Amino acid sequence: MTPQMASIACEKICRLAPIIPVLVVDDVANAALLAKALVAGGLPALEVTLRSPAALEAIHIMADVEGGVVGAGTLLTPLDVKNAKAAGAQFGVSPGVTDALLQACEDEDLPLLPGAATASEAMRLLDRGYVIQKFFPAEASGGVAALKAIGGPIPQVRFCPTGGVTLQNAPDYLALANTLCAGGSWVAPKDMVSTGNWTGIEALAREASNLDF
């Protein structure tokens, strides 16, 4: 898969809803119900981060949930890419990039939403053909003002800001011309997941899905 094709695929995913839930799944027993609640609430694109031993199995389970588009987050190495693709991930997300990681995603035909935090990083990815990128860590990198500033000289690139994005500041990000959607973890609080409050999670997802973008 070429970087251009990856960007086309990622743009379609980013346009599914204003928010992509960023998920840490600790117990695979919750995977299907969590995915169903988020999809029912209007958030079909799900990023399962590879930050727990249960992540790959959770991706495998969530890939079977009707209406969901499941991706693997926190991709760091070519092995992460291979494992994510084998588990059924339909896209990948990374906090930053290396040449090896980009090549692995291209070789495995896994659309990648690559992370960039600066103009130089965004330009390097643009030079390779990636016009859809993740702005991370968004708040720590200057937030809305920084992302707007990057958009001035580099309007070709559009972003999914992630990292510190909340229900309160998401509208400010989504109002930017160079923002397609945003990534957020608030739609699946750990306490609600651990207690099985799927109705509550669905309500949070619906609230997020109604944000303008």
C-alpha atoms as a PDB file:
ATOM      1  CA  MET A   1       0.000   0.000   0.000  1.00  0.00           C
ATOM      2  CA  THR A   2       1.372   3.378  -1.003  1.00  0.00           C
ATOM      3  CA  PRO A   3       1.362   6.328   1.424  1.00  0.00           C
ATOM      4  CA  GLN A   4      -1.164   8.013  -0.856  1.00  0.00           C
ATOM      5  CA  MET A   5      -3.522   5.030  -0.636  1.00  0.00           C
ATOM      6  CA  ALA A   6      -3.015   4.895   3.126  1.00  0.00           C
ATOM      7  CA  SER A   7      -3.994   8.544   3.437  1.00  0.00           C
ATOM      8  CA  ILE A   8      -7.135   7.991   1.352  1.00  0.00           C
ATOM      9  CA  ALA A   9      -8.129   5.077   3.591  1.00  0.00           C
ATOM     10  CA  CYS A  10      -7.386   7.014   6.783  1.00  0.00           C
ATOM     11  CA  GLU A  11      -9.360  10.029   5.590  1.00  0.00           C
ATOM     12  CA  LYS A  12     -12.423   7.828   5.088  1.00  0.00           C
ATOM     13  CA  ILE A  13     -12.018   6.449   8.610  1.00  0.00           C
ATOM     14  CA  CYS A  14     -11.535   9.921  10.092  1.00  0.00           C
ATOM     15  CA  ARG A  15     -14.716  11.135   8.422  1.00  0.00           C
ATOM     16  CA  LEU A  16     -16.856   8.411  10.019  1.00  0.00           C
ATOM     17  CA  ALA A  17     -17.345  10.409  13.237  1.00  0.00           C
ATOM     18  CA  PRO A  18     -15.896  13.463  14.978  1.00  0.00           C
ATOM     19  CA  ILE A  19     -14.165  11.366  17.652  1.00  0.00           C
ATOM     20  CA  ILE A  20     -12.076   8.195  17.464  1.00  0.00           C
ATOM     21  CA  PRO A  21     -12.133   6.509  20.887  1.00  0.00           C
ATOM     22  CA  VAL A  22      -8.629   5.771  22.159  1.00  0.00           C
ATOM     23  CA  LEU A  23      -8.960   2.571  24.172  1.00  0.00           C
ATOM     24  CA  VAL A  24      -6.830   0.626  26.624  1.00  0.00           C
ATOM     25  CA  VAL A  25      -8.469  -2.792  27.000  1.00  0.00           C
ATOM     26  CA  ASP A  26      -7.263  -4.694  30.064  1.00  0.00           C
ATOM     27  CA  ASP A  27      -9.837  -7.496  30.007  1.00  0.00           C
ATOM     28  CA  VAL A  28     -10.839  -9.200  26.765  1.00  0.00           C
ATOM     29  CA  ALA A  29     -14.154 -10.128  28.354  1.00  0.00           C
ATOM     30  CA  ASN A  30     -15.158  -6.481  27.931  1.00  0.00           C
ATOM     31  CA  ALA A  31     -13.972  -6.094  24.335  1.00  0.00           C
ATOM     32  CA  ALA A  32     -17.114  -6.957  22.385  1.00  0.00           C
ATOM     33  CA  LEU A  33     -19.516  -5.149  24.704  1.00  0.00           C
ATOM     34  CA  LEU A  34     -17.316  -2.050  24.756  1.00  0.00           C
ATOM     35  CA  ALA A  35     -17.118  -1.969  20.978  1.00  0.00           C
ATOM     36  CA  LYS A  36     -20.874  -2.492  20.624  1.00  0.00           C
ATOM     37  CA  ALA A  37     -21.622   0.361  23.037  1.00  0.00           C
ATOM     38  CA  LEU A  38     -19.332   2.789  21.218  1.00  0.00           C
ATOM     39  CA  VAL A  39     -20.621   1.821  17.778  1.00  0.00           C
ATOM     40  CA  ALA A  40     -24.221   2.084  18.981  1.00  0.00           C
ATOM     41  CA  GLY A  41     -23.431   5.565  20.244  1.00  0.00           C
ATOM     42  CA  GLY A  42     -22.230   6.635  16.803  1.00  0.00           C
ATOM     43  CA  LEU A  43     -18.459   6.139  17.061  1.00  0.00           C
ATOM     44  CA  PRO A  44     -17.582   3.303  14.670  1.00  0.00           C
ATOM     45  CA  ALA A  45     -13.820   3.878  14.357  1.00  0.00           C
ATOM     46  CA  LEU A  46     -12.043   2.429  17.387  1.00  0.00           C
ATOM     47  CA  GLU A  47      -8.353   2.675  18.265  1.00  0.00           C
ATOM     48  CA  VAL A  48      -7.215  -0.111  20.585  1.00  0.00           C
ATOM     49  CA  THR A  49      -3.804   0.850  21.902  1.00  0.00           C
ATOM     50  CA  LEU A  50      -1.132  -1.800  22.269  1.00  0.00           C
ATOM     51  CA  ARG A  51      -0.606  -0.851  25.896  1.00  0.00           C
ATOM     52  CA  SER A  52      -1.936  -3.982  27.535  1.00  0.00           C
ATOM     53  CA  PRO A  53      -1.387  -7.725  27.156  1.00  0.00           C
ATOM     54  CA  ALA A  54      -5.036  -8.045  26.104  1.00  0.00           C
ATOM     55  CA  ALA A  55      -4.823  -5.576  23.228  1.00  0.00           C
ATOM     56  CA  LEU A  56      -4.268  -7.919  20.291  1.00  0.00           C
ATOM     57  CA  GLU A  57      -6.967 -10.349  21.382  1.00  0.00           C
ATOM     58  CA  ALA A  58      -9.307  -7.409  21.967  1.00  0.00           C
ATOM     59  CA  ILE A  59      -8.688  -6.209  18.407  1.00  0.00           C
ATOM     60  CA  HIS A  60      -9.440  -9.713  17.119  1.00  0.00           C
ATOM     61  CA  ILE A  61     -12.742  -9.753  19.026  1.00  0.00           C
ATOM     62  CA  MET A  62     -13.767  -6.206  18.160  1.00  0.00           C
ATOM     63  CA  ALA A  63     -13.089  -6.801  14.467  1.00  0.00           C
ATOM     64  CA  ASP A  64     -16.203  -8.984  14.424  1.00  0.00           C
ATOM     65  CA  VAL A  65     -18.490  -6.308  15.877  1.00  0.00           C
ATOM     66  CA  GLU A  66     -20.932  -5.182  13.213  1.00  0.00           C
ATOM     67  CA  GLY A  67     -20.463  -1.601  12.117  1.00  0.00           C
ATOM     68  CA  GLY A  68     -17.088  -1.197  13.773  1.00  0.00           C
ATOM     69  CA  VAL A  69     -13.773  -0.280  12.150  1.00  0.00           C
ATOM     70  CA  VAL A  70     -11.039  -1.361  14.529  1.00  0.00           C
ATOM     71  CA  GLY A  71      -7.490  -0.103  14.466  1.00  0.00           C
ATOM     72  CA  ALA A  72      -4.341  -0.673  16.491  1.00  0.00           C
ATOM     73  CA  GLY A  73      -2.753   2.252  18.284  1.00  0.00           C
ATOM     74  CA  THR A  74       0.700   2.766  19.768  1.00  0.00           C
ATOM     75  CA  LEU A  75       2.405   1.021  16.864  1.00  0.00           C
ATOM     76  CA  LEU A  76       6.130   1.338  17.530  1.00  0.00           C
ATOM     77  CA  THR A  77       7.878  -1.456  15.621  1.00  0.00           C
ATOM     78  CA  PRO A  78       7.472  -3.553  12.470  1.00  0.00           C
ATOM     79  CA  LEU A  79       6.537  -6.482  14.722  1.00  0.00           C
ATOM     80  CA  ASP A  80       3.698  -4.421  16.192  1.00  0.00           C
ATOM     81  CA  VAL A  81       2.453  -3.848  12.652  1.00  0.00           C
ATOM     82  CA  LYS A  82       2.578  -7.541  11.747  1.00  0.00           C
ATOM     83  CA  ASN A  83       0.809  -8.542  14.960  1.00  0.00           C
ATOM     84  CA  ALA A  84      -1.866  -5.873  14.564  1.00  0.00           C
ATOM     85  CA  LYS A  85      -2.614  -6.862  10.979  1.00  0.00           C
ATOM     86  CA  ALA A  86      -2.773 -10.549  11.957  1.00  0.00           C
ATOM     87  CA  ALA A  87      -5.206  -9.700  14.760  1.00  0.00           C
ATOM     88  CA  GLY A  88      -7.571  -8.042  12.293  1.00  0.00           C
ATOM     89  CA  ALA A  89      -6.731  -4.357  12.624  1.00  0.00           C
ATOM     90  CA  GLN A  90      -8.048  -2.321   9.702  1.00  0.00           C
ATOM     91  CA  PHE A  91      -5.807   0.669  10.338  1.00  0.00           C
ATOM     92  CA  GLY A  92      -2.882   1.643  12.503  1.00  0.00           C
ATOM     93  CA  VAL A  93      -1.986   4.678  14.591  1.00  0.00           C
ATOM     94  CA  SER A  94       1.454   5.661  15.836  1.00  0.00           C
ATOM     95  CA  PRO A  95       2.644   8.335  18.288  1.00  0.00           C
ATOM     96  CA  GLY A  96       5.542   9.181  15.976  1.00  0.00           C
ATOM     97  CA  VAL A  97       7.268   7.498  13.051  1.00  0.00           C
ATOM     98  CA  THR A  98      10.400   5.716  11.976  1.00  0.00           C
ATOM     99  CA  ASP A  99      11.303   4.687   8.458  1.00  0.00           C
ATOM    100  CA  ALA A 100      11.044   1.047   9.526  1.00  0.00           C
ATOM    101  CA  LEU A 101       7.527   1.542  10.873  1.00  0.00           C
ATOM    102  CA  LEU A 102       6.339   3.338   7.742  1.00  0.00           C
ATOM    103  CA  GLN A 103       7.805   0.645   5.528  1.00  0.00           C
ATOM    104  CA  ALA A 104       6.228  -2.135   7.580  1.00  0.00           C
ATOM    105  CA  CYS A 105       2.769  -0.586   7.275  1.00  0.00           C
ATOM    106  CA  GLU A 106       3.232  -0.123   3.533  1.00  0.00           C
ATOM    107  CA  ASP A 107       4.423  -3.727   3.171  1.00  0.00           C
ATOM    108  CA  GLU A 108       1.555  -5.096   5.275  1.00  0.00           C
ATOM    109  CA  ASP A 109      -1.090  -2.968   3.517  1.00  0.00           C
ATOM    110  CA  LEU A 110      -2.102  -1.434   6.835  1.00  0.00           C
ATOM    111  CA  PRO A 111      -3.301   2.177   6.477  1.00  0.00           C
ATOM    112  CA  LEU A 112      -1.356   4.256   8.980  1.00  0.00           C
ATOM    113  CA  LEU A 113      -2.299   7.448  10.789  1.00  0.00           C
ATOM    114  CA  PRO A 114       1.261   8.545  11.608  1.00  0.00           C
ATOM    115  CA  GLY A 115       2.041  10.836  14.501  1.00  0.00           C
ATOM    116  CA  ALA A 116       3.638  14.270  14.115  1.00  0.00           C
ATOM    117  CA  ALA A 117       4.097  17.053  16.660  1.00  0.00           C
ATOM    118  CA  THR A 118       6.044  19.664  14.714  1.00  0.00           C
ATOM    119  CA  ALA A 119       6.077  21.319  11.314  1.00  0.00           C
ATOM    120  CA  SER A 120       9.271  19.453  10.421  1.00  0.00           C
ATOM    121  CA  GLU A 121       7.733  16.080  11.275  1.00  0.00           C
ATOM    122  CA  ALA A 122       4.588  16.918   9.307  1.00  0.00           C
ATOM    123  CA  MET A 123       6.715  17.996   6.332  1.00  0.00           C
ATOM    124  CA  ARG A 124       8.750  14.800   6.411  1.00  0.00           C
ATOM    125  CA  LEU A 125       5.603  12.696   6.313  1.00  0.00           C
ATOM    126  CA  LEU A 126       4.125  14.901   3.589  1.00  0.00           C
ATOM    127  CA  ASP A 127       7.275  14.403   1.535  1.00  0.00           C
ATOM    128  CA  ARG A 128       6.693  10.652   1.720  1.00  0.00           C
ATOM    129  CA  GLY A 129       3.044  11.041   0.715  1.00  0.00           C
ATOM    130  CA  TYR A 130       1.151  11.042   4.004  1.00  0.00           C
ATOM    131  CA  VAL A 131      -1.351  13.906   3.962  1.00  0.00           C
ATOM    132  CA  ILE A 132      -3.480  12.576   6.833  1.00  0.00           C
ATOM    133  CA  GLN A 133      -1.615  12.594  10.140  1.00  0.00           C
ATOM    134  CA  LYS A 134      -2.105  12.407  13.884  1.00  0.00           C
ATOM    135  CA  PHE A 135      -1.156  15.530  15.864  1.00  0.00           C
ATOM    136  CA  PHE A 136       0.287  14.109  19.081  1.00  0.00           C
ATOM    137  CA  PRO A 137       0.539  14.886  21.919  1.00  0.00           C
ATOM    138  CA  ALA A 138      -1.916  17.630  21.034  1.00  0.00           C
ATOM    139  CA  GLU A 139      -2.271  19.630  24.234  1.00  0.00           C
ATOM    140  CA  ALA A 140       1.352  19.195  25.291  1.00  0.00           C
ATOM    141  CA  SER A 141       2.488  20.347  21.833  1.00  0.00           C
ATOM    142  CA  GLY A 142       0.667  23.662  21.993  1.00  0.00           C
ATOM    143  CA  GLY A 143      -2.937  22.612  21.484  1.00  0.00           C
ATOM    144  CA  VAL A 144      -5.346  24.339  19.156  1.00  0.00           C
ATOM    145  CA  ALA A 145      -3.083  27.349  18.601  1.00  0.00           C
ATOM    146  CA  ALA A 146      -0.148  25.183  17.523  1.00  0.00           C
ATOM    147  CA  LEU A 147      -2.223  23.056  15.178  1.00  0.00           C
ATOM    148  CA  LYS A 148      -3.783  26.151  13.607  1.00  0.00           C
ATOM    149  CA  ALA A 149      -0.317  27.639  13.127  1.00  0.00           C
ATOM    150  CA  ILE A 150       0.964  24.499  11.406  1.00  0.00           C
ATOM    151  CA  GLY A 151      -1.999  24.650   9.057  1.00  0.00           C
ATOM    152  CA  GLY A 152      -0.949  28.053   7.743  1.00  0.00           C
ATOM    153  CA  PRO A 153       2.206  27.019   5.862  1.00  0.00           C
ATOM    154  CA  ILE A 154       1.237  23.337   5.474  1.00  0.00           C
ATOM    155  CA  PRO A 155      -2.439  23.356   4.391  1.00  0.00           C
ATOM    156  CA  GLN A 156      -2.010  20.089   2.458  1.00  0.00           C
ATOM    157  CA  VAL A 157      -1.940  18.074   5.678  1.00  0.00           C
ATOM    158  CA  ARG A 158      -5.001  17.356   7.775  1.00  0.00           C
ATOM    159  CA  PHE A 159      -4.866  15.976  11.267  1.00  0.00           C
ATOM    160  CA  CYS A 160      -6.496  13.897  13.976  1.00  0.00           C
ATOM    161  CA  PRO A 161      -5.337  15.665  17.161  1.00  0.00           C
ATOM    162  CA  THR A 162      -4.951  13.272  20.090  1.00  0.00           C
ATOM    163  CA  GLY A 163      -3.574  13.627  23.586  1.00  0.00           C
ATOM    164  CA  GLY A 164      -5.387  15.779  26.102  1.00  0.00           C
ATOM    165  CA  VAL A 165      -8.459  16.177  23.910  1.00  0.00           C
ATOM    166  CA  THR A 166     -11.652  16.360  25.980  1.00  0.00           C
ATOM    167  CA  LEU A 167     -15.337  16.961  25.430  1.00  0.00           C
ATOM    168  CA  GLN A 168     -14.702  20.564  26.420  1.00  0.00           C
ATOM    169  CA  ASN A 169     -11.857  21.388  24.025  1.00  0.00           C
ATOM    170  CA  ALA A 170     -12.743  19.010  21.174  1.00  0.00           C
ATOM    171  CA  PRO A 171     -15.015  21.598  19.480  1.00  0.00           C
ATOM    172  CA  ASP A 172     -12.079  24.030  19.258  1.00  0.00           C
ATOM    173  CA  TYR A 173      -9.950  21.420  17.494  1.00  0.00           C
ATOM    174  CA  LEU A 174     -12.774  20.305  15.223  1.00  0.00           C
ATOM    175  CA  ALA A 175     -13.378  23.918  14.144  1.00  0.00           C
ATOM    176  CA  LEU A 176      -9.910  24.098  12.559  1.00  0.00           C
ATOM    177  CA  ALA A 177      -9.698  23.777   8.789  1.00  0.00           C
ATOM    178  CA  ASN A 178      -6.879  21.228   9.061  1.00  0.00           C
ATOM    179  CA  THR A 179      -8.662  18.928  11.551  1.00  0.00           C
ATOM    180  CA  LEU A 180     -10.634  15.939  10.267  1.00  0.00           C
ATOM    181  CA  CYS A 181     -11.543  14.402  13.625  1.00  0.00           C
ATOM    182  CA  ALA A 182     -10.007  14.001  17.084  1.00  0.00           C
ATOM    183  CA  GLY A 183      -8.952  11.102  19.250  1.00  0.00           C
ATOM    184  CA  GLY A 184     -10.184  10.895  22.827  1.00  0.00           C
ATOM    185  CA  SER A 185     -10.316   8.475  25.724  1.00  0.00           C
ATOM    186  CA  TRP A 186     -13.045  10.156  27.778  1.00  0.00           C
ATOM    187  CA  VAL A 187     -15.797   8.223  25.977  1.00  0.00           C
ATOM    188  CA  ALA A 188     -14.712   4.976  27.669  1.00  0.00           C
ATOM    189  CA  PRO A 189     -13.751   5.768  31.284  1.00  0.00           C
ATOM    190  CA  LYS A 190     -12.007   2.928  33.088  1.00  0.00           C
ATOM    191  CA  ASP A 191     -14.557   2.889  35.890  1.00  0.00           C
ATOM    192  CA  MET A 192     -17.448   2.483  33.462  1.00  0.00           C
ATOM    193  CA  VAL A 193     -15.637  -0.274  31.582  1.00  0.00           C
ATOM    194  CA  SER A 194     -14.698  -2.168  34.735  1.00  0.00           C
ATOM    195  CA  THR A 195     -18.261  -2.032  36.073  1.00  0.00           C
ATOM    196  CA  GLY A 196     -19.845  -2.848  32.726  1.00  0.00           C
ATOM    197  CA  ASN A 197     -21.733   0.431  32.429  1.00  0.00           C
ATOM    198  CA  TRP A 198     -22.316   0.029  28.700  1.00  0.00           C
ATOM    199  CA  THR A 199     -25.378   2.270  28.726  1.00  0.00           C
ATOM    200  CA  GLY A 200     -23.279   5.075  30.179  1.00  0.00           C
ATOM    201  CA  ILE A 201     -20.539   4.552  27.609  1.00  0.00           C
ATOM    202  CA  GLU A 202     -23.068   4.551  24.794  1.00  0.00           C
ATOM    203  CA  ALA A 203     -24.425   7.857  26.108  1.00  0.00           C
ATOM    204  CA  LEU A 204     -20.933   9.381  26.182  1.00  0.00           C
ATOM    205  CA  ALA A 205     -20.321   8.124  22.662  1.00  0.00           C
ATOM    206  CA  ARG A 206     -23.564   9.628  21.414  1.00  0.00           C
ATOM    207  CA  GLU A 207     -22.685  12.969  22.992  1.00  0.00           C
ATOM    208  CA  ALA A 208     -19.302  12.887  21.252  1.00  0.00           C
ATOM    209  CA  SER A 209     -20.784  11.783  17.946  1.00  0.00           C
ATOM    210  CA  ASN A 210     -23.005  14.874  17.923  1.00  0.00           C
ATOM    211  CA  LEU A 211     -20.051  17.262  17.966  1.00  0.00           C
ATOM    212  CA  ASP A 212     -19.785  19.326  14.789  1.00  0.00           C
ATOM    213  CA  PHE A 213     -16.946  18.411  12.428  1.00  0.00           C
END
